[in-house]
Amino acid sequence: MSRTPSAETQLRNLKRHASDIEKRLAESLRASGAYRARATKAEQEAAEWRRRFDELLFQRGKP
């Protein structure tokens, strides 16, 4: 059987693990912010196209 790592080694390993998790969290937050921005832009563009389409339908309905 292998020996249990010393308390210092366990602490270093936990600090490294916590640092990795913090980096992954930061990247996830950046990615979600970018996704949110793209989704907002897409919704705005879709609303603009709907407005244009409705305007064309209204003009077409006039005699």
C-alpha atoms as a PDB file:
ATOM      1  CA  MET A   1       0.000   0.000   0.000  1.00  0.00           C
ATOM      2  CA  SER A   2       1.176   3.505  -0.687  1.00  0.00           C
ATOM      3  CA  ARG A   3       1.673   6.087   1.968  1.00  0.00           C
ATOM      4  CA  THR A   4      -0.824   8.861   2.525  1.00  0.00           C
ATOM      5  CA  PRO A   5       0.504  12.192   1.251  1.00  0.00           C
ATOM      6  CA  SER A   6       1.693  14.599   3.901  1.00  0.00           C
ATOM      7  CA  ALA A   7      -0.540  17.448   5.000  1.00  0.00           C
ATOM      8  CA  GLU A   8       1.634  19.909   3.065  1.00  0.00           C
ATOM      9  CA  THR A   9       1.305  17.866  -0.123  1.00  0.00           C
ATOM     10  CA  GLN A  10      -2.439  17.549   0.332  1.00  0.00           C
ATOM     11  CA  LEU A  11      -2.690  21.313   0.853  1.00  0.00           C
ATOM     12  CA  ARG A  12      -0.650  22.020  -2.312  1.00  0.00           C
ATOM     13  CA  ASN A  13      -2.837  19.607  -4.275  1.00  0.00           C
ATOM     14  CA  LEU A  14      -6.032  21.223  -2.971  1.00  0.00           C
ATOM     15  CA  LYS A  15      -4.737  24.721  -3.772  1.00  0.00           C
ATOM     16  CA  ARG A  16      -3.848  23.607  -7.315  1.00  0.00           C
ATOM     17  CA  HIS A  17      -7.259  22.013  -7.716  1.00  0.00           C
ATOM     18  CA  ALA A  18      -9.012  25.156  -6.420  1.00  0.00           C
ATOM     19  CA  SER A  19      -6.987  27.295  -8.822  1.00  0.00           C
ATOM     20  CA  ASP A  20      -7.974  25.060 -11.753  1.00  0.00           C
ATOM     21  CA  ILE A  21     -11.624  25.273 -10.761  1.00  0.00           C
ATOM     22  CA  GLU A  22     -11.428  29.078 -10.510  1.00  0.00           C
ATOM     23  CA  LYS A  23      -9.918  29.257 -14.017  1.00  0.00           C
ATOM     24  CA  ARG A  24     -12.660  27.016 -15.404  1.00  0.00           C
ATOM     25  CA  LEU A  25     -15.313  29.127 -13.676  1.00  0.00           C
ATOM     26  CA  ALA A  26     -13.873  32.341 -15.116  1.00  0.00           C
ATOM     27  CA  GLU A  27     -13.821  30.821 -18.615  1.00  0.00           C
ATOM     28  CA  SER A  28     -17.401  29.608 -18.210  1.00  0.00           C
ATOM     29  CA  LEU A  29     -18.525  33.063 -17.121  1.00  0.00           C
ATOM     30  CA  ARG A  30     -16.799  34.648 -20.134  1.00  0.00           C
ATOM     31  CA  ALA A  31     -18.375  32.104 -22.463  1.00  0.00           C
ATOM     32  CA  SER A  32     -21.847  32.618 -21.006  1.00  0.00           C
ATOM     33  CA  GLY A  33     -21.461  36.391 -21.319  1.00  0.00           C
ATOM     34  CA  ALA A  34     -20.458  36.034 -24.961  1.00  0.00           C
ATOM     35  CA  TYR A  35     -23.389  33.684 -25.596  1.00  0.00           C
ATOM     36  CA  ARG A  36     -25.789  36.101 -23.910  1.00  0.00           C
ATOM     37  CA  ALA A  37     -24.495  38.950 -26.091  1.00  0.00           C
ATOM     38  CA  ARG A  38     -24.911  36.878 -29.270  1.00  0.00           C
ATOM     39  CA  ALA A  39     -28.415  35.814 -28.246  1.00  0.00           C
ATOM     40  CA  THR A  40     -29.441  39.408 -27.548  1.00  0.00           C
ATOM     41  CA  LYS A  41     -28.080  40.532 -30.912  1.00  0.00           C
ATOM     42  CA  ALA A  42     -29.888  37.714 -32.707  1.00  0.00           C
ATOM     43  CA  GLU A  43     -33.172  38.596 -30.982  1.00  0.00           C
ATOM     44  CA  GLN A  44     -32.776  42.244 -31.977  1.00  0.00           C
ATOM     45  CA  GLU A  45     -32.038  41.306 -35.583  1.00  0.00           C
ATOM     46  CA  ALA A  46     -35.041  38.981 -35.680  1.00  0.00           C
ATOM     47  CA  ALA A  47     -37.268  41.760 -34.342  1.00  0.00           C
ATOM     48  CA  GLU A  48     -35.935  44.125 -37.005  1.00  0.00           C
ATOM     49  CA  TRP A  49     -36.625  41.612 -39.777  1.00  0.00           C
ATOM     50  CA  ARG A  50     -40.151  41.007 -38.443  1.00  0.00           C
ATOM     51  CA  ARG A  51     -40.738  44.764 -38.430  1.00  0.00           C
ATOM     52  CA  ARG A  52     -39.513  45.047 -42.022  1.00  0.00           C
ATOM     53  CA  PHE A  53     -41.630  42.107 -43.136  1.00  0.00           C
ATOM     54  CA  ASP A  54     -44.750  43.505 -41.459  1.00  0.00           C
ATOM     55  CA  GLU A  55     -44.079  46.866 -43.107  1.00  0.00           C
ATOM     56  CA  LEU A  56     -43.854  45.202 -46.514  1.00  0.00           C
ATOM     57  CA  LEU A  57     -47.077  43.280 -45.917  1.00  0.00           C
ATOM     58  CA  PHE A  58     -48.835  46.503 -44.898  1.00  0.00           C
ATOM     59  CA  GLN A  59     -47.604  48.294 -48.040  1.00  0.00           C
ATOM     60  CA  ARG A  60     -48.664  45.404 -50.219  1.00  0.00           C
ATOM     61  CA  GLY A  61     -52.173  45.443 -48.723  1.00  0.00           C
ATOM     62  CA  LYS A  62     -52.738  49.045 -49.840  1.00  0.00           C
ATOM     63  CA  PRO A  63     -54.495  49.500 -53.218  1.00  0.00           C
END
